[in-house]
Amino acid sequence: MTSTPDRSAPDRAPLRHSGGTPSAAAEVPRLSFLDRWLPAWILLAMAAGLLLGRLVPGLDEALDSLKVGNVSLPIALGLLVMMYPVLAKVRYDETARITADRRLMGLSILLNWVVGPALMFVLAWIFLADLPEYRTGLIIVGLARCIAMVLIWNDLACGDREAAAVLVAVNSVFQVLAFGLLGWFYLQVLPGWLGLETTTAGFSFWAIVASVLVFLGIPLLAGFLTRLIGERARGRQWYEDTFLPKIGPWALYGLLFTIVLLFALQGEAITTRPWDVARIALPLLAYFVVMFGGSLLAAKAAGFDYARSATVAFTAAGNNFELAIAVAIGTFGVTSGQALAGVVGPLIEVPVLVALVYVSMWAGRCLFPADPTVPRRVSR
């Protein structure tokens, strides 16, 4: 994004290392007009998608028809445009250091693949016990760990960019290996053990593989090759000071485009069933707040600095609603209650996580008072 806090600049690199000794506290750089009004642009994109879905007959079916297998081509395009600039910023030579941190990897895997799905399962049954379609859709959202937009939220909150990229890659691998198995467990096995109603879970392993490869694999490879070739050809200073600012705004454009499409898919259902949307929204709101706050405190208790604690919190709290929607539509249909629950996910997640960016920076000053990676102020 245009002026997202750029800790990849050479003079700010020490702030990216846990245990470093920078000479000055981290500072949130001057934000551009686009970035300062990010919440407004997101809300406008939601409204535009809802209006399109409501006013253009057959738009959801037309958008859903543009796919290869279970991968929606318009949504894939938006995600590729959104993720490429962020992944092109990552210093990939930092990944070996990050994966060697067993505490970081272990805590992230625990929060993402044990705590997160279990919490969403509990909340879905507490709030939606009488609405099985919405309950199933919510559980699917809980199983889809964030591999896309978390990179943007983490960047805005001055989290550790390299750590976020590695954790996102770990989440993508786990989604390929574990999504179908966890879906079967939380929709079939666990409810049966507890004497609850079970749900048929007809997930396709290869559909999940294709979704992850498209939504993460392509932009990750493109970002890696861009940095590798760019630095070899022109040097790191040119790459980070000249090239990255030019492609940065496209992350926001891709994000807004994706949001418009997602909300257009079920615009009519959202606007005609507001009480249902509210029922779905309550457990989602509780989930994001509990997961973020609990993860931030858990990371601090584990001894991480602010930057890595914020990264752990955002990667644990966020969900890959694009994948959840694709699975729900492919399994239950574009007009199903499961798909509606998936679409309500970003309706709640996007504004809540934008707010949590500011909460994170405020909490950082309270919980990490002497930490040099805490953003101290916003330059005007």
Protein backbone atom coordinates (compact mmCIF):
# COMPACT_ATOMS: atom_id res chain seq x y z
CA MET A 1 0.00 0.00 0.00
CA THR A 2 1.21 3.47 -0.76
CA SER A 3 2.79 4.40 2.54
CA THR A 4 2.19 1.43 4.75
CA PRO A 5 4.84 1.53 7.50
CA ASP A 6 7.91 0.26 5.64
CA ARG A 7 10.21 -1.49 8.04
CA SER A 8 11.97 -3.00 5.05
CA ALA A 9 13.94 0.21 4.53
CA PRO A 10 17.62 -0.28 5.36
CA ASP A 11 17.75 2.32 8.17
CA ARG A 12 14.84 0.67 9.97
CA ALA A 13 16.01 -2.93 9.63
CA PRO A 14 17.17 -3.33 13.29
CA LEU A 15 13.59 -2.87 14.44
CA ARG A 16 12.64 -6.04 12.64
CA HIS A 17 14.84 -8.29 14.77
CA SER A 18 13.77 -9.58 18.13
CA GLY A 19 16.56 -8.84 20.51
CA GLY A 20 18.06 -6.08 18.34
CA THR A 21 19.46 -2.87 19.78
CA PRO A 22 18.09 0.00 17.72
CA SER A 23 18.95 3.49 18.79
CA ALA A 24 15.48 4.96 18.51
CA ALA A 25 11.91 3.86 19.09
CA ALA A 26 9.83 2.70 16.16
CA GLU A 27 7.71 5.38 14.59
CA VAL A 28 4.69 5.02 12.36
CA PRO A 29 5.57 6.89 9.15
CA ARG A 30 3.39 9.48 7.50
CA LEU A 31 0.33 7.82 5.97
CA SER A 32 -0.90 8.74 2.53
CA PHE A 33 -4.42 9.94 1.83
CA LEU A 34 -5.38 6.42 0.70
CA ASP A 35 -4.05 4.76 3.85
CA ARG A 36 -5.46 7.30 6.31
CA TRP A 37 -8.94 6.66 4.94
CA LEU A 38 -8.58 2.88 4.59
CA PRO A 39 -11.65 2.06 6.76
CA ALA A 40 -13.78 4.41 4.66
CA TRP A 41 -12.66 2.82 1.39
CA ILE A 42 -13.41 -0.64 2.77
CA LEU A 43 -16.89 0.37 3.92
CA LEU A 44 -17.57 1.95 0.51
CA ALA A 45 -16.43 -1.24 -1.22
CA MET A 46 -18.79 -3.28 0.96
CA ALA A 47 -21.66 -0.92 0.14
CA ALA A 48 -20.85 -1.03 -3.57
CA GLY A 49 -20.82 -4.84 -3.54
CA LEU A 50 -24.12 -5.00 -1.67
CA LEU A 51 -25.73 -2.56 -4.10
CA LEU A 52 -24.45 -4.46 -7.12
CA GLY A 53 -25.71 -7.74 -5.74
CA ARG A 54 -29.06 -6.19 -4.91
CA LEU A 55 -29.63 -4.13 -8.07
CA VAL A 56 -28.14 -6.34 -10.80
CA PRO A 57 -30.26 -9.49 -11.29
CA GLY A 58 -28.28 -12.68 -11.78
CA LEU A 59 -24.94 -11.07 -10.94
CA ASP A 60 -24.08 -13.65 -8.27
CA GLU A 61 -24.68 -16.54 -10.68
CA ALA A 62 -22.67 -14.78 -13.39
CA LEU A 63 -19.72 -14.22 -11.05
CA ASP A 64 -19.92 -17.77 -9.74
CA SER A 65 -19.80 -19.14 -13.29
CA LEU A 66 -16.39 -17.56 -13.90
CA LYS A 67 -14.25 -20.22 -12.29
CA VAL A 68 -11.87 -23.05 -13.00
CA GLY A 69 -12.78 -26.00 -10.82
CA ASN A 70 -13.75 -24.43 -7.50
CA VAL A 71 -11.47 -21.39 -7.91
CA SER A 72 -13.35 -18.18 -8.70
CA LEU A 73 -11.36 -16.32 -11.37
CA PRO A 74 -12.52 -12.78 -10.40
CA ILE A 75 -11.77 -13.37 -6.71
CA ALA A 76 -8.45 -14.99 -7.59
CA LEU A 77 -7.53 -11.93 -9.67
CA GLY A 78 -8.35 -9.59 -6.80
CA LEU A 79 -6.32 -11.63 -4.34
CA LEU A 80 -3.32 -11.86 -6.67
CA VAL A 81 -3.30 -8.09 -7.14
CA MET A 82 -3.78 -7.56 -3.38
CA MET A 83 -1.09 -9.94 -2.17
CA TYR A 84 1.68 -9.45 -4.72
CA PRO A 85 2.89 -5.99 -3.56
CA VAL A 86 2.88 -7.07 0.09
CA LEU A 87 4.81 -10.27 -0.62
CA ALA A 88 7.24 -8.41 -2.86
CA LYS A 89 8.21 -6.32 0.21
CA VAL A 90 9.28 -9.32 2.27
CA ARG A 91 12.99 -9.85 2.87
CA TYR A 92 13.10 -13.57 2.20
CA ASP A 93 16.63 -13.91 3.49
CA GLU A 94 15.09 -13.54 6.98
CA THR A 95 12.98 -16.72 6.74
CA ALA A 96 15.62 -19.14 8.04
CA ARG A 97 16.03 -17.08 11.21
CA ILE A 98 12.27 -16.98 11.78
CA THR A 99 11.53 -20.67 11.21
CA ALA A 100 14.36 -21.49 13.62
CA ASP A 101 12.37 -19.80 16.40
CA ARG A 102 10.53 -22.84 17.75
CA ARG A 103 8.59 -20.81 20.31
CA LEU A 104 7.15 -18.58 17.60
CA MET A 105 6.25 -21.44 15.29
CA GLY A 106 4.83 -23.60 18.07
CA LEU A 107 2.67 -20.82 19.53
CA SER A 108 1.35 -19.83 16.11
CA ILE A 109 0.44 -23.40 15.16
CA LEU A 110 -1.25 -23.95 18.53
CA LEU A 111 -3.34 -20.78 18.25
CA ASN A 112 -4.24 -21.24 14.59
CA TRP A 113 -4.96 -24.94 14.40
CA VAL A 114 -6.08 -25.92 17.89
CA VAL A 115 -7.46 -22.88 19.71
CA GLY A 116 -9.01 -21.02 16.75
CA PRO A 117 -11.13 -23.83 15.25
CA ALA A 118 -12.20 -25.03 18.71
CA LEU A 119 -13.27 -21.54 19.76
CA MET A 120 -15.30 -21.02 16.58
CA PHE A 121 -16.96 -24.42 17.06
CA VAL A 122 -18.03 -23.48 20.58
CA LEU A 123 -19.31 -20.04 19.55
CA ALA A 124 -21.19 -21.45 16.55
CA TRP A 125 -23.07 -23.91 18.76
CA ILE A 126 -23.75 -21.30 21.46
CA PHE A 127 -25.17 -18.67 19.10
CA LEU A 128 -26.52 -20.74 16.17
CA ALA A 129 -27.63 -24.05 17.65
CA ASP A 130 -31.04 -23.73 15.94
CA LEU A 131 -29.63 -22.66 12.53
CA PRO A 132 -27.59 -25.59 11.18
CA GLU A 133 -26.69 -24.03 7.80
CA TYR A 134 -25.27 -20.86 9.35
CA ARG A 135 -23.59 -22.89 12.09
CA THR A 136 -21.84 -25.07 9.53
CA GLY A 137 -20.75 -22.03 7.54
CA LEU A 138 -19.31 -20.42 10.66
CA ILE A 139 -17.36 -23.55 11.56
CA ILE A 140 -15.93 -23.62 8.03
CA VAL A 141 -14.81 -19.99 8.48
CA GLY A 142 -13.05 -21.02 11.69
CA LEU A 143 -11.15 -23.75 9.87
CA ALA A 144 -9.90 -21.42 7.12
CA ARG A 145 -6.87 -19.72 8.65
CA CYS A 146 -5.81 -16.39 7.25
CA ILE A 147 -3.35 -16.43 4.34
CA ALA A 148 -4.09 -13.11 2.63
CA MET A 149 -5.37 -9.96 4.28
CA VAL A 150 -3.46 -10.57 7.50
CA LEU A 151 -0.37 -9.33 5.68
CA ILE A 152 -2.01 -5.93 5.26
CA TRP A 153 -3.31 -5.68 8.84
CA ASN A 154 0.08 -6.77 10.18
CA ASP A 155 1.84 -4.18 8.06
CA LEU A 156 -0.44 -1.37 9.25
CA ALA A 157 0.11 -2.37 12.90
CA CYS A 158 3.92 -2.39 12.45
CA GLY A 159 4.16 -6.14 13.02
CA ASP A 160 7.09 -8.24 11.90
CA ARG A 161 6.66 -8.48 8.12
CA GLU A 162 9.04 -11.38 7.57
CA ALA A 163 7.53 -13.37 10.44
CA ALA A 164 4.04 -12.74 9.06
CA ALA A 165 5.03 -14.04 5.62
CA VAL A 166 6.50 -17.21 7.11
CA LEU A 167 3.49 -17.83 9.36
CA VAL A 168 1.18 -17.30 6.39
CA ALA A 169 3.16 -19.89 4.44
CA VAL A 170 2.88 -22.32 7.36
CA ASN A 171 -0.88 -21.73 7.50
CA SER A 172 -1.16 -22.45 3.79
CA VAL A 173 0.63 -25.79 4.16
CA PHE A 174 -1.60 -26.76 7.07
CA GLN A 175 -4.69 -25.79 5.10
CA VAL A 176 -3.69 -28.13 2.30
CA LEU A 177 -2.99 -30.98 4.70
CA ALA A 178 -5.58 -30.46 7.43
CA PHE A 179 -8.64 -28.54 6.18
CA GLY A 180 -10.63 -31.57 5.04
CA LEU A 181 -9.64 -33.62 8.08
CA LEU A 182 -10.57 -30.85 10.50
CA GLY A 183 -13.84 -30.26 8.66
CA TRP A 184 -14.72 -33.93 9.09
CA PHE A 185 -13.74 -33.78 12.77
CA TYR A 186 -15.67 -30.62 13.69
CA LEU A 187 -18.76 -31.33 11.57
CA GLN A 188 -19.03 -35.09 12.01
CA VAL A 189 -16.90 -36.61 14.74
CA LEU A 190 -16.94 -34.07 17.58
CA PRO A 191 -20.71 -33.34 17.39
CA GLY A 192 -21.33 -37.09 17.45
CA TRP A 193 -19.19 -37.48 20.57
CA LEU A 194 -21.10 -34.67 22.27
CA GLY A 195 -24.54 -35.92 21.21
CA LEU A 196 -25.09 -32.96 18.85
CA GLU A 197 -26.40 -32.84 15.30
CA THR A 198 -23.80 -33.80 12.70
CA THR A 199 -23.29 -32.22 9.28
CA THR A 200 -22.29 -33.89 6.04
CA ALA A 201 -18.89 -32.54 5.05
CA GLY A 202 -18.16 -33.24 1.39
CA PHE A 203 -14.88 -31.39 1.07
CA SER A 204 -12.64 -31.92 -1.93
CA PHE A 205 -8.96 -32.24 -1.07
CA TRP A 206 -7.85 -31.11 -4.51
CA ALA A 207 -10.18 -28.09 -4.44
CA ILE A 208 -8.44 -26.96 -1.26
CA VAL A 209 -5.02 -27.56 -2.82
CA ALA A 210 -5.99 -25.53 -5.90
CA SER A 211 -7.39 -22.67 -3.81
CA VAL A 212 -4.26 -22.41 -1.68
CA LEU A 213 -1.92 -22.64 -4.67
CA VAL A 214 -3.80 -19.90 -6.50
CA PHE A 215 -4.48 -17.55 -3.59
CA LEU A 216 -1.04 -17.84 -1.98
CA GLY A 217 1.37 -19.83 -4.14
CA ILE A 218 1.30 -17.61 -7.23
CA PRO A 219 1.75 -14.22 -5.49
CA LEU A 220 4.32 -15.70 -3.08
CA LEU A 221 6.42 -17.01 -5.96
CA ALA A 222 5.99 -13.76 -7.89
CA GLY A 223 7.01 -11.68 -4.86
CA PHE A 224 10.07 -13.82 -4.20
CA LEU A 225 11.24 -13.71 -7.82
CA THR A 226 10.60 -9.97 -8.07
CA ARG A 227 12.80 -9.22 -5.06
CA LEU A 228 15.48 -11.68 -6.16
CA ILE A 229 15.69 -10.31 -9.71
CA GLY A 230 15.18 -6.67 -8.71
CA GLU A 231 17.93 -6.67 -6.08
CA ARG A 232 20.37 -8.48 -8.35
CA ALA A 233 19.70 -6.10 -11.20
CA ARG A 234 19.52 -2.72 -9.41
CA GLY A 235 20.40 -3.29 -5.75
CA ARG A 236 18.36 -3.33 -2.52
CA GLN A 237 18.23 0.45 -2.10
CA TRP A 238 16.66 0.99 -5.54
CA TYR A 239 14.30 -1.93 -5.03
CA GLU A 240 13.00 -0.72 -1.65
CA ASP A 241 13.12 3.04 -2.20
CA THR A 242 11.99 3.25 -5.83
CA PHE A 243 10.27 0.07 -7.01
CA LEU A 244 8.21 -0.88 -3.94
CA PRO A 245 6.51 2.53 -3.58
CA LYS A 246 5.32 2.25 -7.19
CA ILE A 247 3.59 -1.10 -6.77
CA GLY A 248 2.42 -0.50 -3.18
CA PRO A 249 -1.00 1.08 -3.95
CA TRP A 250 -2.09 -1.98 -5.91
CA ALA A 251 -2.48 -3.91 -2.66
CA LEU A 252 -5.32 -1.57 -1.69
CA TYR A 253 -6.86 -1.71 -5.17
CA GLY A 254 -6.87 -5.51 -5.09
CA LEU A 255 -8.33 -5.54 -1.58
CA LEU A 256 -11.22 -3.23 -2.52
CA PHE A 257 -11.92 -5.13 -5.74
CA THR A 258 -12.07 -8.43 -3.83
CA ILE A 259 -14.43 -7.00 -1.20
CA VAL A 260 -16.80 -5.66 -3.88
CA LEU A 261 -16.96 -9.08 -5.54
CA LEU A 262 -17.50 -10.99 -2.30
CA PHE A 263 -20.35 -8.77 -1.20
CA ALA A 264 -21.91 -8.75 -4.66
CA LEU A 265 -22.14 -12.55 -4.51
CA GLN A 266 -24.69 -12.42 -1.69
CA GLY A 267 -25.84 -8.82 -1.69
CA GLU A 268 -29.53 -9.72 -1.89
CA ALA A 269 -29.34 -12.26 0.94
CA ILE A 270 -27.52 -9.80 3.21
CA THR A 271 -29.94 -6.94 2.61
CA THR A 272 -33.13 -9.02 2.85
CA ARG A 273 -32.15 -11.04 5.95
CA PRO A 274 -30.66 -8.51 8.38
CA TRP A 275 -31.62 -10.50 11.50
CA ASP A 276 -29.85 -13.58 10.16
CA VAL A 277 -26.79 -11.46 9.44
CA ALA A 278 -26.88 -10.14 13.03
CA ARG A 279 -27.14 -13.69 14.40
CA ILE A 280 -24.06 -14.70 12.41
CA ALA A 281 -22.20 -11.50 13.29
CA LEU A 282 -22.35 -11.92 17.08
CA PRO A 283 -20.19 -15.06 17.35
CA LEU A 284 -17.82 -13.67 14.72
CA LEU A 285 -17.34 -10.47 16.70
CA ALA A 286 -16.70 -12.45 19.87
CA TYR A 287 -14.26 -14.69 18.03
CA PHE A 288 -12.10 -11.88 16.62
CA VAL A 289 -11.90 -10.01 19.92
CA VAL A 290 -11.13 -13.09 22.04
CA MET A 291 -8.62 -14.54 19.58
CA PHE A 292 -6.76 -11.28 19.07
CA GLY A 293 -6.61 -10.27 22.73
CA GLY A 294 -5.76 -13.76 23.94
CA SER A 295 -3.09 -14.26 21.28
CA LEU A 296 -1.44 -10.90 21.98
CA LEU A 297 -1.24 -11.69 25.70
CA ALA A 298 -0.03 -15.23 25.01
CA ALA A 299 2.75 -13.92 22.76
CA LYS A 300 3.82 -11.38 25.38
CA ALA A 301 3.82 -14.12 28.03
CA ALA A 302 6.02 -16.21 25.72
CA GLY A 303 8.58 -13.40 25.74
CA PHE A 304 8.12 -11.91 22.26
CA ASP A 305 8.56 -8.22 21.48
CA TYR A 306 5.68 -6.07 20.25
CA ALA A 307 6.33 -6.63 16.55
CA ARG A 308 6.19 -10.41 16.78
CA SER A 309 3.36 -10.39 19.33
CA ALA A 310 1.24 -8.29 16.96
CA THR A 311 2.05 -10.67 14.11
CA VAL A 312 1.05 -13.71 16.17
CA ALA A 313 -2.20 -11.98 17.20
CA PHE A 314 -3.23 -10.96 13.69
CA THR A 315 -2.36 -14.30 12.09
CA ALA A 316 -4.37 -16.08 14.80
CA ALA A 317 -7.39 -13.76 14.71
CA GLY A 318 -7.76 -13.47 10.94
CA ASN A 319 -9.54 -15.98 8.75
CA ASN A 320 -9.21 -16.89 5.09
CA PHE A 321 -12.82 -16.03 4.25
CA GLU A 322 -12.09 -16.31 0.53
CA LEU A 323 -11.30 -20.01 0.95
CA ALA A 324 -14.23 -20.49 3.35
CA ILE A 325 -16.61 -18.97 0.80
CA ALA A 326 -15.16 -21.08 -2.01
CA VAL A 327 -15.58 -24.27 0.05
CA ALA A 328 -19.11 -23.32 1.15
CA ILE A 329 -20.21 -22.46 -2.40
CA GLY A 330 -18.57 -25.52 -3.93
CA THR A 331 -20.08 -27.86 -1.33
CA PHE A 332 -23.50 -26.34 -0.55
CA GLY A 333 -24.23 -23.89 -3.41
CA VAL A 334 -23.96 -20.17 -4.05
CA THR A 335 -27.29 -19.32 -2.41
CA SER A 336 -26.88 -21.60 0.61
CA GLY A 337 -26.91 -20.51 4.22
CA GLN A 338 -23.37 -21.82 4.56
CA ALA A 339 -22.23 -19.46 1.80
CA LEU A 340 -24.08 -16.55 3.43
CA ALA A 341 -22.27 -17.21 6.70
CA GLY A 342 -18.99 -17.13 4.80
CA VAL A 343 -19.80 -13.78 3.20
CA VAL A 344 -20.80 -12.26 6.55
CA GLY A 345 -17.27 -13.18 7.70
CA PRO A 346 -15.52 -10.27 5.95
CA LEU A 347 -18.48 -8.00 6.72
CA ILE A 348 -17.44 -8.31 10.37
CA GLU A 349 -13.75 -9.18 10.03
CA VAL A 350 -12.65 -6.26 7.88
CA PRO A 351 -13.87 -3.36 10.07
CA VAL A 352 -13.03 -5.22 13.30
CA LEU A 353 -9.46 -5.96 12.26
CA VAL A 354 -9.00 -2.41 10.98
CA ALA A 355 -10.03 -1.27 14.47
CA LEU A 356 -7.70 -3.85 16.03
CA VAL A 357 -4.79 -2.28 14.14
CA TYR A 358 -5.24 0.82 16.28
CA VAL A 359 -5.97 -1.26 19.39
CA SER A 360 -2.75 -3.16 18.76
CA MET A 361 -0.63 -0.01 18.61
CA TRP A 362 -2.32 1.39 21.73
CA ALA A 363 -1.92 -1.90 23.59
CA GLY A 364 1.70 -2.05 22.48
CA ARG A 365 2.47 1.19 24.30
CA CYS A 366 0.77 -0.17 27.43
CA LEU A 367 2.05 -3.74 27.41
CA PHE A 368 5.53 -3.15 25.92
CA PRO A 369 6.56 0.23 27.40
CA ALA A 370 10.30 -0.11 26.76
CA ASP A 371 10.08 -2.07 23.50
CA PRO A 372 11.77 -0.30 20.56
CA THR A 373 9.51 -2.10 18.03
CA VAL A 374 6.39 -0.37 19.40
CA PRO A 375 5.12 2.38 17.04
CA ARG A 376 5.29 5.52 19.16
CA ARG A 377 3.47 8.12 17.11
CA VAL A 378 2.12 8.95 13.70
CA SER A 379 4.00 11.68 11.83
CA ARG A 380 1.78 14.35 10.36
